[in-house]
Amino acid sequence: MSKPVRVEYVLSKPNSPSWWKRNRHLVLLVVGLLVGAWLVDGHDSTAAHPPERPRPVHSTVSDAGHDER
């Protein structure tokens, strides 16, 4: 009788990568571009702009030492 054949190694195909592994660099690129555009655009926030301070009215010069004619 001969000895039974012993299988030591089995070659198999690896599983295909998931959608995330295939496309994560594209997703992160798009997210980064959107965030960058949002920051550069100024995102028009009311909290970012300080309220306007009242401006002084026209100044008047005192005529204390002059005679009125």
PDB file of N, CA and C in Angstrom:
ATOM      1  N   MET A   1       0.827  -1.167   0.000  1.00  0.00           N
ATOM      2  CA  MET A   1       0.000   0.000   0.000  1.00  0.00           C
ATOM      3  C   MET A   1       0.873   1.232   0.000  1.00  0.00           C
ATOM      4  N   SER A   2       0.380   2.209  -0.733  1.00  0.00           N
ATOM      5  CA  SER A   2       1.121   3.463  -0.780  1.00  0.00           C
ATOM      6  C   SER A   2       0.556   4.444   0.251  1.00  0.00           C
ATOM      7  N   LYS A   3       1.397   5.388   0.583  1.00  0.00           N
ATOM      8  CA  LYS A   3       0.962   6.399   1.561  1.00  0.00           C
ATOM      9  C   LYS A   3      -0.028   7.367   0.908  1.00  0.00           C
ATOM     10  N   PRO A   4      -0.995   7.840   1.649  1.00  0.00           N
ATOM     11  CA  PRO A   4      -1.921   8.819   1.065  1.00  0.00           C
ATOM     12  C   PRO A   4      -1.178  10.143   0.778  1.00  0.00           C
ATOM     13  N   VAL A   5      -1.626  10.825  -0.246  1.00  0.00           N
ATOM     14  CA  VAL A   5      -1.016  12.104  -0.621  1.00  0.00           C
ATOM     15  C   VAL A   5      -1.442  13.161   0.393  1.00  0.00           C
ATOM     16  N   ARG A   6      -0.469  13.861   0.885  1.00  0.00           N
ATOM     17  CA  ARG A   6      -0.740  14.900   1.887  1.00  0.00           C
ATOM     18  C   ARG A   6      -0.680  16.267   1.221  1.00  0.00           C
ATOM     19  N   VAL A   7      -1.724  17.050   1.325  1.00  0.00           N
ATOM     20  CA  VAL A   7      -1.765  18.390   0.728  1.00  0.00           C
ATOM     21  C   VAL A   7      -1.270  19.372   1.771  1.00  0.00           C
ATOM     22  N   GLU A   8      -0.180  20.073   1.427  1.00  0.00           N
ATOM     23  CA  GLU A   8       0.374  21.033   2.379  1.00  0.00           C
ATOM     24  C   GLU A   8      -0.003  22.476   2.057  1.00  0.00           C
ATOM     25  N   TYR A   9      -0.093  22.820   0.789  1.00  0.00           N
ATOM     26  CA  TYR A   9      -0.377  24.203   0.408  1.00  0.00           C
ATOM     27  C   TYR A   9      -1.525  24.224  -0.589  1.00  0.00           C
ATOM     28  N   VAL A  10      -2.411  25.202  -0.407  1.00  0.00           N
ATOM     29  CA  VAL A  10      -3.518  25.380  -1.337  1.00  0.00           C
ATOM     30  C   VAL A  10      -3.462  26.812  -1.818  1.00  0.00           C
ATOM     31  N   LEU A  11      -3.378  26.966  -3.118  1.00  0.00           N
ATOM     32  CA  LEU A  11      -3.374  28.308  -3.694  1.00  0.00           C
ATOM     33  C   LEU A  11      -4.808  28.735  -3.939  1.00  0.00           C
ATOM     34  N   SER A  12      -5.100  29.951  -3.558  1.00  0.00           N
ATOM     35  CA  SER A  12      -6.446  30.467  -3.803  1.00  0.00           C
ATOM     36  C   SER A  12      -6.339  31.941  -4.180  1.00  0.00           C
ATOM     37  N   LYS A  13      -7.350  32.410  -4.829  1.00  0.00           N
ATOM     38  CA  LYS A  13      -7.391  33.825  -5.198  1.00  0.00           C
ATOM     39  C   LYS A  13      -7.754  34.642  -3.965  1.00  0.00           C
ATOM     40  N   PRO A  14      -7.105  35.783  -3.789  1.00  0.00           N
ATOM     41  CA  PRO A  14      -7.516  36.636  -2.659  1.00  0.00           C
ATOM     42  C   PRO A  14      -8.879  37.265  -2.956  1.00  0.00           C
ATOM     43  N   ASN A  15      -9.576  37.590  -1.907  1.00  0.00           N
ATOM     44  CA  ASN A  15     -10.868  38.273  -2.079  1.00  0.00           C
ATOM     45  C   ASN A  15     -10.622  39.632  -2.712  1.00  0.00           C
ATOM     46  N   SER A  16     -11.568  40.048  -3.532  1.00  0.00           N
ATOM     47  CA  SER A  16     -11.419  41.371  -4.138  1.00  0.00           C
ATOM     48  C   SER A  16     -11.599  42.430  -3.048  1.00  0.00           C
ATOM     49  N   PRO A  17     -10.880  43.557  -3.155  1.00  0.00           N
ATOM     50  CA  PRO A  17     -10.987  44.592  -2.114  1.00  0.00           C
ATOM     51  C   PRO A  17     -12.390  45.194  -2.075  1.00  0.00           C
ATOM     52  N   SER A  18     -12.749  45.672  -0.932  1.00  0.00           N
ATOM     53  CA  SER A  18     -14.077  46.266  -0.770  1.00  0.00           C
ATOM     54  C   SER A  18     -14.146  47.589  -1.520  1.00  0.00           C
ATOM     55  N   TRP A  19     -15.359  48.110  -1.625  1.00  0.00           N
ATOM     56  CA  TRP A  19     -15.560  49.380  -2.316  1.00  0.00           C
ATOM     57  C   TRP A  19     -14.739  50.480  -1.653  1.00  0.00           C
ATOM     58  N   TRP A  20     -14.719  50.495  -0.318  1.00  0.00           N
ATOM     59  CA  TRP A  20     -13.999  51.528   0.408  1.00  0.00           C
ATOM     60  C   TRP A  20     -12.504  51.468   0.124  1.00  0.00           C
ATOM     61  N   LYS A  21     -11.925  50.280   0.119  1.00  0.00           N
ATOM     62  CA  LYS A  21     -10.490  50.157  -0.144  1.00  0.00           C
ATOM     63  C   LYS A  21     -10.147  50.575  -1.562  1.00  0.00           C
ATOM     64  N   ARG A  22     -11.040  50.336  -2.509  1.00  0.00           N
ATOM     65  CA  ARG A  22     -10.774  50.712  -3.894  1.00  0.00           C
ATOM     66  C   ARG A  22     -10.923  52.201  -4.115  1.00  0.00           C
ATOM     67  N   ASN A  23     -11.823  52.871  -3.395  1.00  0.00           N
ATOM     68  CA  ASN A  23     -12.178  54.251  -3.726  1.00  0.00           C
ATOM     69  C   ASN A  23     -11.931  55.252  -2.610  1.00  0.00           C
ATOM     70  N   ARG A  24     -11.283  54.865  -1.524  1.00  0.00           N
ATOM     71  CA  ARG A  24     -11.137  55.797  -0.401  1.00  0.00           C
ATOM     72  C   ARG A  24     -10.299  57.013  -0.764  1.00  0.00           C
ATOM     73  N   HIS A  25      -9.296  56.870  -1.620  1.00  0.00           N
ATOM     74  CA  HIS A  25      -8.482  58.025  -1.987  1.00  0.00           C
ATOM     75  C   HIS A  25      -9.317  59.032  -2.772  1.00  0.00           C
ATOM     76  N   LEU A  26     -10.247  58.556  -3.596  1.00  0.00           N
ATOM     77  CA  LEU A  26     -11.112  59.488  -4.322  1.00  0.00           C
ATOM     78  C   LEU A  26     -12.109  60.177  -3.391  1.00  0.00           C
ATOM     79  N   VAL A  27     -12.660  59.433  -2.457  1.00  0.00           N
ATOM     80  CA  VAL A  27     -13.616  60.012  -1.512  1.00  0.00           C
ATOM     81  C   VAL A  27     -12.930  61.076  -0.664  1.00  0.00           C
ATOM     82  N   LEU A  28     -11.738  60.773  -0.154  1.00  0.00           N
ATOM     83  CA  LEU A  28     -11.027  61.745   0.676  1.00  0.00           C
ATOM     84  C   LEU A  28     -10.587  62.961  -0.134  1.00  0.00           C
ATOM     85  N   LEU A  29     -10.245  62.777  -1.398  1.00  0.00           N
ATOM     86  CA  LEU A  29      -9.894  63.898  -2.260  1.00  0.00           C
ATOM     87  C   LEU A  29     -11.081  64.831  -2.450  1.00  0.00           C
ATOM     88  N   VAL A  30     -12.243  64.272  -2.737  1.00  0.00           N
ATOM     89  CA  VAL A  30     -13.437  65.092  -2.944  1.00  0.00           C
ATOM     90  C   VAL A  30     -13.833  65.811  -1.661  1.00  0.00           C
ATOM     91  N   VAL A  31     -13.772  65.113  -0.536  1.00  0.00           N
ATOM     92  CA  VAL A  31     -14.112  65.746   0.749  1.00  0.00           C
ATOM     93  C   VAL A  31     -13.131  66.883   1.051  1.00  0.00           C
ATOM     94  N   GLY A  32     -11.848  66.652   0.811  1.00  0.00           N
ATOM     95  CA  GLY A  32     -10.848  67.692   1.044  1.00  0.00           C
ATOM     96  C   GLY A  32     -11.059  68.901   0.150  1.00  0.00           C
ATOM     97  N   LEU A  33     -11.398  68.677  -1.109  1.00  0.00           N
ATOM     98  CA  LEU A  33     -11.664  69.798  -2.014  1.00  0.00           C
ATOM     99  C   LEU A  33     -12.904  70.583  -1.593  1.00  0.00           C
ATOM    100  N   LEU A  34     -13.936  69.873  -1.151  1.00  0.00           N
ATOM    101  CA  LEU A  34     -15.149  70.564  -0.704  1.00  0.00           C
ATOM    102  C   LEU A  34     -14.902  71.397   0.549  1.00  0.00           C
ATOM    103  N   VAL A  35     -14.171  70.845   1.500  1.00  0.00           N
ATOM    104  CA  VAL A  35     -13.861  71.588   2.726  1.00  0.00           C
ATOM    105  C   VAL A  35     -12.969  72.786   2.405  1.00  0.00           C
ATOM    106  N   GLY A  36     -11.990  72.598   1.537  1.00  0.00           N
ATOM    107  CA  GLY A  36     -11.122  73.708   1.142  1.00  0.00           C
ATOM    108  C   GLY A  36     -11.892  74.809   0.449  1.00  0.00           C
ATOM    109  N   ALA A  37     -12.801  74.446  -0.443  1.00  0.00           N
ATOM    110  CA  ALA A  37     -13.608  75.455  -1.133  1.00  0.00           C
ATOM    111  C   ALA A  37     -14.520  76.180  -0.150  1.00  0.00           C
ATOM    112  N   TRP A  38     -15.048  75.455   0.820  1.00  0.00           N
ATOM    113  CA  TRP A  38     -15.921  76.077   1.819  1.00  0.00           C
ATOM    114  C   TRP A  38     -15.140  77.083   2.664  1.00  0.00           C
ATOM    115  N   LEU A  39     -13.907  76.729   3.032  1.00  0.00           N
ATOM    116  CA  LEU A  39     -13.097  77.633   3.844  1.00  0.00           C
ATOM    117  C   LEU A  39     -12.649  78.855   3.051  1.00  0.00           C
ATOM    118  N   VAL A  40     -12.284  78.668   1.798  1.00  0.00           N
ATOM    119  CA  VAL A  40     -11.824  79.788   0.977  1.00  0.00           C
ATOM    120  C   VAL A  40     -12.981  80.711   0.633  1.00  0.00           C
ATOM    121  N   ASP A  41     -14.159  80.152   0.457  1.00  0.00           N
ATOM    122  CA  ASP A  41     -15.332  80.932   0.073  1.00  0.00           C
ATOM    123  C   ASP A  41     -15.746  81.901   1.172  1.00  0.00           C
ATOM    124  N   GLY A  42     -15.423  81.633   2.393  1.00  0.00           N
ATOM    125  CA  GLY A  42     -15.771  82.540   3.484  1.00  0.00           C
ATOM    126  C   GLY A  42     -16.992  82.108   4.259  1.00  0.00           C
ATOM    127  N   HIS A  43     -17.687  81.114   3.851  1.00  0.00           N
ATOM    128  CA  HIS A  43     -18.880  80.542   4.473  1.00  0.00           C
ATOM    129  C   HIS A  43     -19.741  81.556   5.206  1.00  0.00           C
ATOM    130  N   ASP A  44     -19.780  82.786   4.773  1.00  0.00           N
ATOM    131  CA  ASP A  44     -20.677  83.865   5.181  1.00  0.00           C
ATOM    132  C   ASP A  44     -21.366  83.660   6.529  1.00  0.00           C
ATOM    133  N   SER A  45     -20.590  83.641   7.578  1.00  0.00           N
ATOM    134  CA  SER A  45     -21.133  83.468   8.919  1.00  0.00           C
ATOM    135  C   SER A  45     -21.278  84.833   9.579  1.00  0.00           C
ATOM    136  N   THR A  46     -22.368  85.051  10.306  1.00  0.00           N
ATOM    137  CA  THR A  46     -22.564  86.346  10.950  1.00  0.00           C
ATOM    138  C   THR A  46     -21.647  86.498  12.158  1.00  0.00           C
ATOM    139  N   ALA A  47     -21.240  85.390  12.759  1.00  0.00           N
ATOM    140  CA  ALA A  47     -20.358  85.466  13.920  1.00  0.00           C
ATOM    141  C   ALA A  47     -18.937  85.851  13.519  1.00  0.00           C
ATOM    142  N   ALA A  48     -18.573  85.661  12.277  1.00  0.00           N
ATOM    143  CA  ALA A  48     -17.215  85.963  11.829  1.00  0.00           C
ATOM    144  C   ALA A  48     -16.991  87.464  11.677  1.00  0.00           C
ATOM    145  N   HIS A  49     -18.068  88.214  11.414  1.00  0.00           N
ATOM    146  CA  HIS A  49     -17.932  89.653  11.212  1.00  0.00           C
ATOM    147  C   HIS A  49     -18.328  90.394  12.487  1.00  0.00           C
ATOM    148  N   PRO A  50     -17.432  91.216  13.029  1.00  0.00           N
ATOM    149  CA  PRO A  50     -17.816  91.978  14.229  1.00  0.00           C
ATOM    150  C   PRO A  50     -18.845  93.044  13.855  1.00  0.00           C
ATOM    151  N   PRO A  51     -19.696  93.402  14.785  1.00  0.00           N
ATOM    152  CA  PRO A  51     -20.694  94.429  14.473  1.00  0.00           C
ATOM    153  C   PRO A  51     -20.006  95.769  14.208  1.00  0.00           C
ATOM    154  N   GLU A  52     -20.630  96.572  13.343  1.00  0.00           N
ATOM    155  CA  GLU A  52     -20.047  97.871  13.023  1.00  0.00           C
ATOM    156  C   GLU A  52     -20.140  98.789  14.225  1.00  0.00           C
ATOM    157  N   ARG A  53     -19.060  99.494  14.450  1.00  0.00           N
ATOM    158  CA  ARG A  53     -19.059 100.474  15.542  1.00  0.00           C
ATOM    159  C   ARG A  53     -19.593 101.794  15.005  1.00  0.00           C
ATOM    160  N   PRO A  54     -20.245 102.557  15.848  1.00  0.00           N
ATOM    161  CA  PRO A  54     -20.744 103.846  15.370  1.00  0.00           C
ATOM    162  C   PRO A  54     -19.570 104.761  15.017  1.00  0.00           C
ATOM    163  N   ARG A  55     -19.727 105.464  13.925  1.00  0.00           N
ATOM    164  CA  ARG A  55     -18.673 106.378  13.492  1.00  0.00           C
ATOM    165  C   ARG A  55     -18.921 107.751  14.101  1.00  0.00           C
ATOM    166  N   PRO A  56     -17.845 108.503  14.327  1.00  0.00           N
ATOM    167  CA  PRO A  56     -18.044 109.842  14.907  1.00  0.00           C
ATOM    168  C   PRO A  56     -18.721 110.770  13.904  1.00  0.00           C
ATOM    169  N   VAL A  57     -19.495 111.690  14.457  1.00  0.00           N
ATOM    170  CA  VAL A  57     -20.174 112.680  13.637  1.00  0.00           C
ATOM    171  C   VAL A  57     -19.145 113.744  13.273  1.00  0.00           C
ATOM    172  N   HIS A  58     -19.503 114.673  12.395  1.00  0.00           N
ATOM    173  CA  HIS A  58     -18.576 115.734  12.018  1.00  0.00           C
ATOM    174  C   HIS A  58     -18.097 116.466  13.274  1.00  0.00           C
ATOM    175  N   SER A  59     -16.818 116.702  13.306  1.00  0.00           N
ATOM    176  CA  SER A  59     -16.285 117.399  14.483  1.00  0.00           C
ATOM    177  C   SER A  59     -16.499 118.899  14.314  1.00  0.00           C
ATOM    178  N   THR A  60     -16.675 119.571  15.438  1.00  0.00           N
ATOM    179  CA  THR A  60     -16.868 121.022  15.415  1.00  0.00           C
ATOM    180  C   THR A  60     -15.680 121.670  16.081  1.00  0.00           C
ATOM    181  N   VAL A  61     -15.287 122.798  15.544  1.00  0.00           N
ATOM    182  CA  VAL A  61     -14.169 123.541  16.101  1.00  0.00           C
ATOM    183  C   VAL A  61     -14.753 124.624  17.012  1.00  0.00           C
ATOM    184  N   SER A  62     -14.203 124.706  18.196  1.00  0.00           N
ATOM    185  CA  SER A  62     -14.690 125.698  19.150  1.00  0.00           C
ATOM    186  C   SER A  62     -14.152 127.083  18.763  1.00  0.00           C
ATOM    187  N   ASP A  63     -15.045 128.085  18.781  1.00  0.00           N
ATOM    188  CA  ASP A  63     -14.639 129.467  18.487  1.00  0.00           C
ATOM    189  C   ASP A  63     -14.542 130.260  19.783  1.00  0.00           C
ATOM    190  N   ALA A  64     -13.909 129.726  20.780  1.00  0.00           N
ATOM    191  CA  ALA A  64     -13.884 130.349  22.099  1.00  0.00           C
ATOM    192  C   ALA A  64     -13.148 131.685  22.087  1.00  0.00           C
ATOM    193  N   GLY A  65     -12.085 131.830  21.371  1.00  0.00           N
ATOM    194  CA  GLY A  65     -11.303 133.072  21.432  1.00  0.00           C
ATOM    195  C   GLY A  65     -11.619 134.065  20.343  1.00  0.00           C
ATOM    196  N   HIS A  66     -12.582 133.822  19.503  1.00  0.00           N
ATOM    197  CA  HIS A  66     -12.877 134.707  18.356  1.00  0.00           C
ATOM    198  C   HIS A  66     -14.131 135.521  18.611  1.00  0.00           C
ATOM    199  N   ASP A  67     -14.129 136.723  18.058  1.00  0.00           N
ATOM    200  CA  ASP A  67     -15.275 137.603  18.147  1.00  0.00           C
ATOM    201  C   ASP A  67     -16.262 137.282  17.031  1.00  0.00           C
ATOM    202  N   GLU A  68     -17.525 137.311  17.371  1.00  0.00           N
ATOM    203  CA  GLU A  68     -18.523 137.138  16.321  1.00  0.00           C
ATOM    204  C   GLU A  68     -18.910 138.505  15.813  1.00  0.00           C
ATOM    205  N   ARG A  69     -18.949 138.663  14.533  1.00  0.00           N
ATOM    206  CA  ARG A  69     -19.333 139.966  13.975  1.00  0.00           C
ATOM    207  C   ARG A  69     -20.651 139.919  13.351  1.00  0.00           C
TER     208      ARG A  69
END
